C-alpha atoms as a PDB file:
ATOM      1  CA  MET A   1      -6.622   5.627 -29.134  1.00  0.00           C
ATOM      2  CA  LEU A   2      -5.719   8.050 -26.291  1.00  0.00           C
ATOM      3  CA  GLY A   3      -3.674   6.320 -23.594  1.00  0.00           C
ATOM      4  CA  SER A   4      -3.529   2.731 -25.167  1.00  0.00           C
ATOM      5  CA  PHE A   5      -0.633   0.681 -25.995  1.00  0.00           C
ATOM      6  CA  ASP A   6       0.578   0.564 -29.632  1.00  0.00           C
ATOM      7  CA  ASN A   7       3.640  -0.494 -31.545  1.00  0.00           C
ATOM      8  CA  SER A   8       5.198   2.818 -31.532  1.00  0.00           C
ATOM      9  CA  HIS A   9       5.073   2.598 -27.778  1.00  0.00           C
ATOM     10  CA  LYS A  10       6.721  -0.677 -28.031  1.00  0.00           C
ATOM     11  CA  LEU A  11       9.932   0.928 -29.372  1.00  0.00           C
ATOM     12  CA  ASN A  12      10.241   2.798 -26.350  1.00  0.00           C
ATOM     13  CA  ALA A  13       8.766   0.513 -23.564  1.00  0.00           C
ATOM     14  CA  THR A  14      10.246  -2.989 -24.071  1.00  0.00           C
ATOM     15  CA  GLY A  15      11.632  -4.146 -20.580  1.00  0.00           C
ATOM     16  CA  ARG A  16       9.987  -1.059 -18.827  1.00  0.00           C
ATOM     17  CA  PRO A  17       6.974  -0.954 -16.507  1.00  0.00           C
ATOM     18  CA  VAL A  18       3.977   0.323 -18.248  1.00  0.00           C
ATOM     19  CA  MET A  19       1.366  -0.038 -15.781  1.00  0.00           C
ATOM     20  CA  ALA A  20       1.019  -0.541 -11.896  1.00  0.00           C
ATOM     21  CA  THR A  21      -2.362  -2.094 -10.519  1.00  0.00           C
ATOM     22  CA  LEU A  22      -3.254  -0.881  -6.972  1.00  0.00           C
ATOM     23  CA  ILE A  23      -6.091  -2.271  -4.879  1.00  0.00           C
ATOM     24  CA  THR A  24      -7.951   0.415  -2.895  1.00  0.00           C
ATOM     25  CA  ALA A  25     -10.723   0.167  -0.318  1.00  0.00           C
ATOM     26  CA  ASP A  26     -11.808   3.582  -1.168  1.00  0.00           C
ATOM     27  CA  MET A  27     -11.931   4.562  -4.788  1.00  0.00           C
ATOM     28  CA  GLU A  28     -12.915   8.058  -4.236  1.00  0.00           C
ATOM     29  CA  GLY A  29     -10.255   8.576  -1.725  1.00  0.00           C
ATOM     30  CA  SER A  30      -7.742   7.122  -4.155  1.00  0.00           C
ATOM     31  CA  LEU A  31      -8.986   9.261  -6.968  1.00  0.00           C
ATOM     32  CA  SER A  32      -8.717  12.423  -4.916  1.00  0.00           C
ATOM     33  CA  ALA A  33      -5.207  11.678  -4.068  1.00  0.00           C
ATOM     34  CA  TYR A  34      -3.810  10.648  -7.532  1.00  0.00           C
ATOM     35  CA  VAL A  35      -5.977  13.122  -9.452  1.00  0.00           C
ATOM     36  CA  GLY A  36      -6.320  15.976  -6.980  1.00  0.00           C
ATOM     37  CA  SER A  37      -2.748  15.737  -5.432  1.00  0.00           C
ATOM     38  CA  LEU A  38      -0.688  14.313  -8.231  1.00  0.00           C
ATOM     39  CA  GLY A  39      -2.357  15.650 -11.213  1.00  0.00           C
ATOM     40  CA  TYR A  40      -3.180  12.389 -12.918  1.00  0.00           C
ATOM     41  CA  GLN A  41      -6.025  12.148 -15.541  1.00  0.00           C
ATOM     42  CA  ALA A  42      -8.786   9.476 -15.071  1.00  0.00           C
ATOM     43  CA  ILE A  43      -9.127   8.152 -18.798  1.00  0.00           C
ATOM     44  CA  LYS A  44     -11.482   5.448 -18.324  1.00  0.00           C
ATOM     45  CA  THR A  45     -13.848   4.120 -15.502  1.00  0.00           C
ATOM     46  CA  GLU A  46     -15.365   0.724 -15.828  1.00  0.00           C
ATOM     47  CA  THR A  47     -16.257  -2.331 -13.829  1.00  0.00           C
ATOM     48  CA  LEU A  48     -13.823  -5.216 -13.640  1.00  0.00           C
ATOM     49  CA  CYS A  49     -15.163  -7.878 -16.144  1.00  0.00           C
ATOM     50  CA  GLU A  50     -15.281 -11.612 -15.144  1.00  0.00           C
ATOM     51  CA  ALA A  51     -12.558 -12.392 -17.825  1.00  0.00           C
ATOM     52  CA  LEU A  52     -10.112  -9.950 -16.440  1.00  0.00           C
ATOM     53  CA  ALA A  53     -10.742 -10.828 -12.675  1.00  0.00           C
ATOM     54  CA  VAL A  54     -10.345 -14.603 -13.390  1.00  0.00           C
ATOM     55  CA  HIS A  55      -7.113 -13.815 -15.388  1.00  0.00           C
ATOM     56  CA  PHE A  56      -5.766 -11.886 -12.474  1.00  0.00           C
ATOM     57  CA  GLY A  57      -6.903 -14.357  -9.910  1.00  0.00           C
ATOM     58  CA  ILE A  58      -9.192 -11.936  -8.067  1.00  0.00           C
ATOM     59  CA  GLU A  59     -12.592 -13.359  -8.935  1.00  0.00           C
ATOM     60  CA  SER A  60     -13.990 -12.055  -5.784  1.00  0.00           C
ATOM     61  CA  LEU A  61     -13.842  -8.574  -7.228  1.00  0.00           C
ATOM     62  CA  ILE A  62     -15.978  -9.215 -10.282  1.00  0.00           C
ATOM     63  CA  GLY A  63     -18.009  -6.272 -10.905  1.00  0.00           C
ATOM     64  CA  ASN A  64     -16.111  -3.802  -8.727  1.00  0.00           C
ATOM     65  CA  LYS A  65     -15.136  -0.301  -9.964  1.00  0.00           C
ATOM     66  CA  MET A  66     -11.872  -0.108 -11.918  1.00  0.00           C
ATOM     67  CA  VAL A  67     -10.222   3.191 -13.025  1.00  0.00           C
ATOM     68  CA  THR A  68      -7.287   3.780 -15.392  1.00  0.00           C
ATOM     69  CA  LEU A  69      -5.160   6.767 -14.809  1.00  0.00           C
ATOM     70  CA  LEU A  70      -2.652   8.501 -16.997  1.00  0.00           C
ATOM     71  CA  PRO A  71      -0.034  11.290 -16.266  1.00  0.00           C
ATOM     72  CA  GLN A  72      -0.508  14.822 -17.423  1.00  0.00           C
ATOM     73  CA  SER A  73       2.278  14.234 -19.977  1.00  0.00           C
ATOM     74  CA  GLY A  74       0.256  11.730 -21.857  1.00  0.00           C
ATOM     75  CA  VAL A  75       3.144   9.194 -21.521  1.00  0.00           C
ATOM     76  CA  PRO A  76       1.270   5.790 -21.653  1.00  0.00           C
ATOM     77  CA  VAL A  77       2.490   4.451 -18.378  1.00  0.00           C
ATOM     78  CA  PHE A  78      -0.605   3.772 -16.399  1.00  0.00           C
ATOM     79  CA  MET A  79      -1.982   3.572 -12.904  1.00  0.00           C
ATOM     80  CA  ARG A  80      -4.868   1.227 -12.614  1.00  0.00           C
ATOM     81  CA  LEU A  81      -7.153   1.367  -9.450  1.00  0.00           C
ATOM     82  CA  ILE A  82      -9.449  -1.550  -8.403  1.00  0.00           C
ATOM     83  CA  GLU A  83     -11.890  -0.995  -5.655  1.00  0.00           C
ATOM     84  CA  ALA A  84     -12.164  -3.596  -2.911  1.00  0.00           C
ATOM     85  CA  PRO A  85     -14.088  -2.423  -0.011  1.00  0.00           C
ATOM     86  CA  GLN A  86     -13.556  -5.488   1.809  1.00  0.00           C
ATOM     87  CA  ALA A  87      -9.683  -5.488   1.422  1.00  0.00           C
ATOM     88  CA  ALA A  88      -7.484  -5.816   4.500  1.00  0.00           C
ATOM     89  CA  PRO A  89      -5.181  -2.860   5.068  1.00  0.00           C
ATOM     90  CA  SER A  90      -1.781  -3.344   3.431  1.00  0.00           C
ATOM     91  CA  SER A  91       1.343  -3.723   5.478  1.00  0.00           C
ATOM     92  CA  SER A  92       4.466  -2.656   3.452  1.00  0.00           C
ATOM     93  CA  ALA A  93       6.595  -4.718   5.941  1.00  0.00           C
ATOM     94  CA  GLN A  94       5.684  -7.780   3.925  1.00  0.00           C
ATOM     95  CA  ALA A  95       7.329  -9.783   1.099  1.00  0.00           C
ATOM     96  CA  GLY A  96       6.278  -8.653  -2.397  1.00  0.00           C
ATOM     97  CA  TRP A  97       6.027  -5.337  -4.182  1.00  0.00           C
ATOM     98  CA  PHE A  98       7.293  -2.667  -2.059  1.00  0.00           C
ATOM     99  CA  ALA A  99       7.301   0.647  -3.871  1.00  0.00           C
ATOM    100  CA  LEU A 100       6.815   2.505  -7.201  1.00  0.00           C
ATOM    101  CA  GLU A 101       9.250   5.185  -8.466  1.00  0.00           C
ATOM    102  CA  LEU A 102       7.713   8.005 -10.424  1.00  0.00           C
ATOM    103  CA  CYS A 103       9.683  10.914 -12.045  1.00  0.00           C
ATOM    104  CA  VAL A 104       8.608  14.512 -10.853  1.00  0.00           C
ATOM    105  CA  GLN A 105       9.868  17.903 -11.697  1.00  0.00           C
ATOM    106  CA  ASP A 106      10.161  19.742  -8.451  1.00  0.00           C
ATOM    107  CA  VAL A 107      10.294  17.525  -5.329  1.00  0.00           C
ATOM    108  CA  ASP A 108      10.871  20.117  -2.962  1.00  0.00           C
ATOM    109  CA  SER A 109       7.839  22.060  -3.776  1.00  0.00           C
ATOM    110  CA  LEU A 110       5.881  18.906  -3.925  1.00  0.00           C
ATOM    111  CA  TYR A 111       7.041  17.803  -0.604  1.00  0.00           C
ATOM    112  CA  GLU A 112       5.726  21.290   0.909  1.00  0.00           C
ATOM    113  CA  ARG A 113       2.355  20.760  -0.683  1.00  0.00           C
ATOM    114  CA  LEU A 114       1.923  17.090   0.275  1.00  0.00           C
ATOM    115  CA  LYS A 115       2.941  17.359   3.761  1.00  0.00           C
ATOM    116  CA  THR A 116       0.122  19.718   4.472  1.00  0.00           C
ATOM    117  CA  GLY A 117      -2.546  17.511   2.763  1.00  0.00           C
ATOM    118  CA  ASP A 118      -4.254  14.201   3.773  1.00  0.00           C
ATOM    119  CA  SER A 119      -3.796  12.241   0.643  1.00  0.00           C
ATOM    120  CA  PHE A 120       0.144  11.199   0.752  1.00  0.00           C
ATOM    121  CA  THR A 121       2.128  11.217   3.873  1.00  0.00           C
ATOM    122  CA  PRO A 122       5.844  11.918   3.298  1.00  0.00           C
ATOM    123  CA  LEU A 123       8.137   9.699   5.220  1.00  0.00           C
ATOM    124  CA  ALA A 124      10.925  12.359   5.301  1.00  0.00           C
ATOM    125  CA  PRO A 125      11.960  15.595   3.535  1.00  0.00           C
ATOM    126  CA  PRO A 126      13.605  15.093   0.194  1.00  0.00           C
ATOM    127  CA  LYS A 127      17.289  13.950   0.264  1.00  0.00           C
ATOM    128  CA  ALA A 128      19.753  12.857  -2.435  1.00  0.00           C
ATOM    129  CA  LEU A 129      20.467   9.325  -2.796  1.00  0.00           C
ATOM    130  CA  THR A 130      23.503   7.932  -1.032  1.00  0.00           C
ATOM    131  CA  ILE A 131      24.956   6.435  -4.393  1.00  0.00           C
ATOM    132  CA  THR A 132      24.474   9.611  -6.405  1.00  0.00           C
ATOM    133  CA  ASP A 133      23.364  13.296  -5.906  1.00  0.00           C
ATOM    134  CA  MET A 134      21.715  13.498  -9.381  1.00  0.00           C
ATOM    135  CA  VAL A 135      18.637  11.836  -8.155  1.00  0.00           C
ATOM    136  CA  TYR A 136      16.718  13.677  -5.574  1.00  0.00           C
ATOM    137  CA  PRO A 137      13.818  11.638  -4.124  1.00  0.00           C
ATOM    138  CA  MET A 138      11.032  11.839  -1.708  1.00  0.00           C
ATOM    139  CA  GLN A 139       9.358   8.819  -0.174  1.00  0.00           C
ATOM    140  CA  CYS A 140       5.674   8.946   0.744  1.00  0.00           C
ATOM    141  CA  VAL A 141       2.786   6.652   1.668  1.00  0.00           C
ATOM    142  CA  GLY A 142      -0.359   6.701  -0.264  1.00  0.00           C
ATOM    143  CA  PRO A 143      -4.115   6.128   0.778  1.00  0.00           C
ATOM    144  CA  SER A 144      -3.779   2.441   0.249  1.00  0.00           C
ATOM    145  CA  GLY A 145      -0.646   1.963   2.015  1.00  0.00           C
ATOM    146  CA  GLU A 146       1.355   1.872  -1.157  1.00  0.00           C
ATOM    147  CA  ILE A 147       4.815   3.538  -1.086  1.00  0.00           C
ATOM    148  CA  LEU A 148       5.685   6.037  -3.867  1.00  0.00           C
ATOM    149  CA  TYR A 149       9.156   7.390  -4.419  1.00  0.00           C
ATOM    150  CA  LEU A 150       8.866  10.822  -6.276  1.00  0.00           C
ATOM    151  CA  ASN A 151      12.230  11.211  -7.770  1.00  0.00           C
ATOM    152  CA  GLU A 152      13.596  14.471  -9.363  1.00  0.00           C
ATOM    153  CA  VAL A 153      16.329  13.557 -11.864  1.00  0.00           C
ATOM    154  CA  ARG A 154      19.004  16.391 -11.842  1.00  0.00           C
ATOM    155  CA  GLY A 155      21.503  15.024 -14.323  1.00  0.00           C
ATOM    156  CA  ASP A 156      23.506  12.103 -15.598  1.00  0.00           C
ATOM    157  CA  VAL A 157      23.326   9.060 -13.487  1.00  0.00           C
ATOM    158  CA  MET A 158      26.243   6.812 -14.195  1.00  0.00           C
ATOM    159  CA  GLY A 159      25.348   6.594 -17.892  1.00  0.00           C
ATOM    160  CA  LEU A 160      21.826   5.307 -17.340  1.00  0.00           C
ATOM    161  CA  ASP A 161      18.915   6.645 -19.224  1.00  0.00           C
ATOM    162  CA  MET A 162      16.984   8.411 -16.612  1.00  0.00           C
ATOM    163  CA  PRO A 163      13.593  10.071 -17.312  1.00  0.00           C
ATOM    164  CA  ILE A 164      13.195  13.732 -17.004  1.00  0.00           C
ATOM    165  CA  ALA A 165       9.546  14.481 -15.973  1.00  0.00           C
ATOM    166  CA  ALA A 166       7.519  16.406 -18.412  1.00  0.00           C
ATOM    167  CA  CYS A 167       4.762  17.491 -15.937  1.00  0.00           C
ATOM    168  CA  PRO A 168       4.905  18.016 -12.063  1.00  0.00           C
ATOM    169  CA  VAL A 169       4.329  14.395 -11.455  1.00  0.00           C
ATOM    170  CA  ASP A 170       4.969  12.164 -14.633  1.00  0.00           C
ATOM    171  CA  HIS A 171       4.985   8.425 -14.986  1.00  0.00           C
ATOM    172  CA  LEU A 172       6.184   5.332 -13.261  1.00  0.00           C
ATOM    173  CA  PHE A 173       9.709   4.111 -14.324  1.00  0.00           C
ATOM    174  CA  ILE A 174      11.018   1.743 -11.581  1.00  0.00           C
ATOM    175  CA  ALA A 175       9.199  -0.767  -9.624  1.00  0.00           C
ATOM    176  CA  ILE A 176      10.633  -2.089  -6.271  1.00  0.00           C
ATOM    177  CA  MET A 177       9.993  -5.586  -4.562  1.00  0.00           C
ATOM    178  CA  SER A 178      11.283  -7.061  -1.472  1.00  0.00           C
ATOM    179  CA  LEU A 179      11.953 -10.591  -1.374  1.00  0.00           C
ATOM    180  CA  PRO A 180      13.142 -13.055   1.190  1.00  0.00           C
ATOM    181  CA  ASP A 181      15.697 -14.503  -1.208  1.00  0.00           C
ATOM    182  CA  MET A 182      16.951 -11.583  -3.146  1.00  0.00           C
ATOM    183  CA  ASP A 183      19.518 -13.556  -5.252  1.00  0.00           C
ATOM    184  CA  GLU A 184      16.938 -16.091  -6.297  1.00  0.00           C
ATOM    185  CA  GLY A 185      14.552 -13.284  -7.259  1.00  0.00           C
ATOM    186  CA  VAL A 186      17.253 -11.505  -9.448  1.00  0.00           C
ATOM    187  CA  LYS A 187      17.794 -14.919 -11.122  1.00  0.00           C
ATOM    188  CA  GLN A 188      14.090 -15.386 -11.832  1.00  0.00           C
ATOM    189  CA  TYR A 189      13.153 -11.781 -13.030  1.00  0.00           C
ATOM    190  CA  ALA A 190      16.338 -11.264 -15.170  1.00  0.00           C
ATOM    191  CA  GLY A 191      15.134 -14.359 -17.208  1.00  0.00           C
ATOM    192  CA  LEU A 192      11.429 -13.587 -17.197  1.00  0.00           C
ATOM    193  CA  LEU A 193      11.870 -10.018 -18.270  1.00  0.00           C
ATOM    194  CA  ASP A 194      15.054 -10.377 -20.273  1.00  0.00           C
ATOM    195  CA  MET A 195      16.967  -8.013 -18.203  1.00  0.00           C
ATOM    196  CA  ASP A 196      20.503  -7.611 -17.062  1.00  0.00           C
ATOM    197  CA  VAL A 197      21.847  -6.750 -13.644  1.00  0.00           C
ATOM    198  CA  LYS A 198      22.896  -3.222 -13.579  1.00  0.00           C
ATOM    199  CA  GLU A 199      24.080  -2.455 -10.062  1.00  0.00           C
ATOM    200  CA  ARG A 200      24.507  -4.187  -6.700  1.00  0.00           C
ATOM    201  CA  HIS A 201      24.598  -1.969  -3.546  1.00  0.00           C
ATOM    202  CA  GLU A 202      24.534  -2.438   0.153  1.00  0.00           C
ATOM    203  CA  ILE A 203      23.450   0.875   1.886  1.00  0.00           C
ATOM    204  CA  PRO A 204      21.739   2.390   4.842  1.00  0.00           C
ATOM    205  CA  TYR A 205      18.270   2.231   3.103  1.00  0.00           C
ATOM    206  CA  LYS A 206      16.206   4.605   5.188  1.00  0.00           C
ATOM    207  CA  THR A 207      12.876   3.890   3.551  1.00  0.00           C
ATOM    208  CA  ILE A 208      13.263   0.120   4.490  1.00  0.00           C
ATOM    209  CA  ASN A 209      14.367   1.062   7.927  1.00  0.00           C
ATOM    210  CA  ARG A 210      11.401   3.317   8.586  1.00  0.00           C
ATOM    211  CA  ILE A 211       8.879   0.757   7.426  1.00  0.00           C
ATOM    212  CA  TYR A 212      10.388  -2.098   9.348  1.00  0.00           C
ATOM    213  CA  GLU A 213      11.147  -0.058  12.290  1.00  0.00           C
ATOM    214  CA  LEU A 214      14.877  -0.505  12.179  1.00  0.00           C
ATOM    215  CA  PRO A 215      17.618   1.920  13.139  1.00  0.00           C
ATOM    216  CA  LEU A 216      18.200   4.225  10.333  1.00  0.00           C
ATOM    217  CA  GLU A 217      21.602   3.304   9.418  1.00  0.00           C
ATOM    218  CA  THR A 218      20.937  -0.380   9.213  1.00  0.00           C
ATOM    219  CA  MET A 219      22.465  -1.722   5.917  1.00  0.00           C
ATOM    220  CA  HIS A 220      20.553  -3.521   3.183  1.00  0.00           C
ATOM    221  CA  LYS A 221      21.330  -5.180  -0.002  1.00  0.00           C
ATOM    222  CA  LEU A 222      19.717  -4.401  -3.247  1.00  0.00           C
ATOM    223  CA  VAL A 223      20.079  -5.165  -7.011  1.00  0.00           C
ATOM    224  CA  THR A 224      18.762  -3.226  -9.958  1.00  0.00           C
ATOM    225  CA  LEU A 225      17.909  -4.679 -13.282  1.00  0.00           C
ATOM    226  CA  GLY A 226      17.180  -3.376 -16.616  1.00  0.00           C
ATOM    227  CA  GLY A 227      17.961  -3.005 -20.327  1.00  0.00           C
ATOM    228  CA  HIS A 228      21.038  -1.767 -21.956  1.00  0.00           C
ATOM    229  CA  ASN A 229      21.084   1.573 -20.537  1.00  0.00           C
ATOM    230  CA  PHE A 230      18.035   1.842 -18.122  1.00  0.00           C
ATOM    231  CA  VAL A 231      16.958   0.499 -14.816  1.00  0.00           C
ATOM    232  CA  SER A 232      13.453  -0.631 -14.450  1.00  0.00           C
ATOM    233  CA  LEU A 233      13.233  -3.051 -11.432  1.00  0.00           C
ATOM    234  CA  GLU A 234      14.892  -3.122  -8.071  1.00  0.00           C
ATOM    235  CA  VAL A 235      15.080  -6.282  -5.989  1.00  0.00           C
ATOM    236  CA  ASP A 236      15.643  -5.677  -2.234  1.00  0.00           C
ATOM    237  CA  GLN A 237      16.632  -8.227   0.394  1.00  0.00           C
ATOM    238  CA  GLN A 238      13.801  -8.285   2.742  1.00  0.00           C
ATOM    239  CA  PRO A 239      14.987  -7.805   6.468  1.00  0.00           C
ATOM    240  CA  THR A 240      15.130 -10.970   8.466  1.00  0.00           C
ATOM    241  CA  GLY A 241      12.194 -11.735  10.466  1.00  0.00           C
ATOM    242  CA  ALA A 242       9.873  -9.616   8.458  1.00  0.00           C
ATOM    243  CA  GLY A 243       6.118 -10.239   7.760  1.00  0.00           C
ATOM    244  CA  PRO A 244       4.985 -12.927   5.386  1.00  0.00           C
ATOM    245  CA  ALA A 245       3.980 -12.545   1.845  1.00  0.00           C
ATOM    246  CA  LYS A 246       0.895 -10.418   1.112  1.00  0.00           C
ATOM    247  CA  LEU A 247      -2.458 -12.200   0.648  1.00  0.00           C
ATOM    248  CA  LEU A 248      -3.505 -11.442  -2.779  1.00  0.00           C
ATOM    249  CA  SER A 249      -6.039 -14.215  -3.973  1.00  0.00           C
ATOM    250  CA  GLY A 250      -9.447 -15.470  -3.217  1.00  0.00           C
ATOM    251  CA  GLN A 251     -11.262 -13.383  -0.489  1.00  0.00           C
ATOM    252  CA  ASN A 252      -7.798 -12.463   1.175  1.00  0.00           C
ATOM    253  CA  ILE A 253      -7.214  -9.274  -0.827  1.00  0.00           C
ATOM    254  CA  THR A 254      -5.126  -6.631   0.758  1.00  0.00           C
ATOM    255  CA  THR A 255      -4.753  -2.907  -0.384  1.00  0.00           C
ATOM    256  CA  GLY A 256      -1.817  -1.511  -2.018  1.00  0.00           C
ATOM    257  CA  ILE A 257       0.345  -2.629  -4.901  1.00  0.00           C
ATOM    258  CA  PHE A 258      -1.154  -5.579  -6.503  1.00  0.00           C
ATOM    259  CA  MET A 259       0.742  -6.110  -9.764  1.00  0.00           C
ATOM    260  CA  VAL A 260       3.165  -4.251 -12.241  1.00  0.00           C
ATOM    261  CA  SER A 261       3.042  -4.667 -15.869  1.00  0.00           C
ATOM    262  CA  PHE A 262       5.891  -4.748 -18.323  1.00  0.00           C
ATOM    263  CA  ILE A 263       5.956  -4.990 -22.119  1.00  0.00           C
ATOM    264  CA  VAL A 264       7.940  -7.855 -23.587  1.00  0.00           C
ATOM    265  CA  ASP A 265       8.646  -9.207 -26.962  1.00  0.00           C
ATOM    266  CA  ASP A 266       7.252 -12.719 -26.264  1.00  0.00           C
ATOM    267  CA  ILE A 267       5.112 -13.963 -23.261  1.00  0.00           C
ATOM    268  CA  SER A 268       4.454 -17.536 -24.519  1.00  0.00           C
ATOM    269  CA  GLN A 269       7.154 -19.312 -22.526  1.00  0.00           C
ATOM    270  CA  ASN A 270       7.230 -16.862 -19.650  1.00  0.00           C
ATOM    271  CA  SER A 271       3.841 -16.835 -18.018  1.00  0.00           C
ATOM    272  CA  GLY A 272       0.830 -18.941 -16.897  1.00  0.00           C
ATOM    273  CA  SER A 273      -2.240 -18.127 -18.780  1.00  0.00           C
ATOM    274  CA  VAL A 274      -2.162 -15.765 -21.770  1.00  0.00           C
ATOM    275  CA  LYS A 275      -5.276 -13.861 -22.789  1.00  0.00           C
ATOM    276  CA  GLN A 276      -6.134 -10.998 -25.238  1.00  0.00           C
ATOM    277  CA  PHE A 277      -8.303  -8.164 -24.075  1.00  0.00           C
ATOM    278  CA  PRO A 278      -9.808  -5.435 -26.254  1.00  0.00           C
ATOM    279  CA  MET A 279     -10.400  -2.880 -23.735  1.00  0.00           C
ATOM    280  CA  LEU A 280      -8.264   0.122 -22.894  1.00  0.00           C
ATOM    281  CA  PRO A 281      -5.332   0.145 -22.298  1.00  0.00           C
ATOM    282  CA  TYR A 282      -4.660  -3.324 -23.981  1.00  0.00           C
ATOM    283  CA  SER A 283      -6.131  -2.539 -27.410  1.00  0.00           C
ATOM    284  CA  GLY A 284      -5.896  -6.206 -28.229  1.00  0.00           C
ATOM    285  CA  ALA A 285      -2.493  -6.724 -26.929  1.00  0.00           C
ATOM    286  CA  GLN A 286      -1.873 -10.166 -25.181  1.00  0.00           C
ATOM    287  CA  SER A 287      -1.606 -10.313 -21.313  1.00  0.00           C
ATOM    288  CA  GLY A 288       0.149 -13.112 -19.341  1.00  0.00           C
ATOM    289  CA  ILE A 289       0.417 -13.379 -15.660  1.00  0.00           C
ATOM    290  CA  ASN A 290       3.376 -14.545 -13.616  1.00  0.00           C
ATOM    291  CA  VAL A 291       3.071 -14.991  -9.903  1.00  0.00           C
ATOM    292  CA  GLY A 292       6.332 -15.027  -7.728  1.00  0.00           C
ATOM    293  CA  SER A 293       7.528 -16.819  -4.818  1.00  0.00           C
ATOM    294  CA  ALA A 294       6.332 -14.259  -2.415  1.00  0.00           C
ATOM    295  CA  GLY A 295       2.910 -13.809  -4.123  1.00  0.00           C
ATOM    296  CA  GLU A 296       4.004 -10.801  -6.202  1.00  0.00           C
ATOM    297  CA  ARG A 297       2.237 -10.624  -9.597  1.00  0.00           C
ATOM    298  CA  ILE A 298       3.826  -9.466 -12.808  1.00  0.00           C
ATOM    299  CA  GLU A 299       1.904  -8.882 -15.937  1.00  0.00           C
ATOM    300  CA  LEU A 300       3.722  -9.498 -19.232  1.00  0.00           C
ATOM    301  CA  ILE A 301       2.134  -7.502 -22.100  1.00  0.00           C
ATOM    302  CA  SER A 302       3.132  -8.457 -25.800  1.00  0.00           C
ATOM    303  CA  LEU A 303       1.899  -6.220 -28.485  1.00  0.00           C
ATOM    304  CA  ASN A 304       0.523  -7.445 -31.713  1.00  0.00           C
ATOM    305  CA  GLU A 305       2.542  -6.903 -34.834  1.00  0.00           C
ATOM    306  CA  GLU A 306       0.676  -4.610 -37.465  1.00  0.00           C
END
């Protein structure tokens, strides 16, 4: 099935993010942004069923519109939009999911195009990372307050397996969270996702400084985690005095990044409820939900063996 998870995908995806779920108060506006501005394809439009809504802990959104998106490359790493007209505007200056990193082919031309539109707002022109000039990113804010890092990979990055985009804007490959206790979060998610610590840095993290309205040279700690030769999760130390965790349950839904999904070998001991869903993109795969200390949701997906 086009765009679904399957066992050949498992060989390449274990430990990597394979879907990000966003809450939007304006589905048409978000679709215009992701399809019109980033070139994603809407591969399925449906209503959020009761079973899935209960599983996710968002029962108030039962029956709302849900759209699954795929990059033009066809790589089965999805963006999933769930409409919630009643959702409160997101503030990125809160604990929980902070940003999503997507690989792109030409970030300079993308910046020129996005800065003249009204779908994504660049935070600054593209600039190479402090720790390596082989990654050339731009950060922007999307229509639901979500932050995207649009990364052009220009070469080898300290021996890591970094994705090279196969279309102008390709798939998600790193998810970023901001937590009040970074070290505790690193310990939790290294175990939950069977990941190793890859790097520890303390840098003048300008995106955090812009979001939290701090001096641009303010230093921040971060840790990256992943498999044997790749990074798929970044945990940042949330600035002192930042906002509380995002409200993501019951009627208190906020827009922005709601959940990030990872394929794992076994979810039986690493999540709360475990359920199986036949609809795309699951194709019968098992799903388990883990809710972190700051309210961040991680979906663990385990593929059935043939």
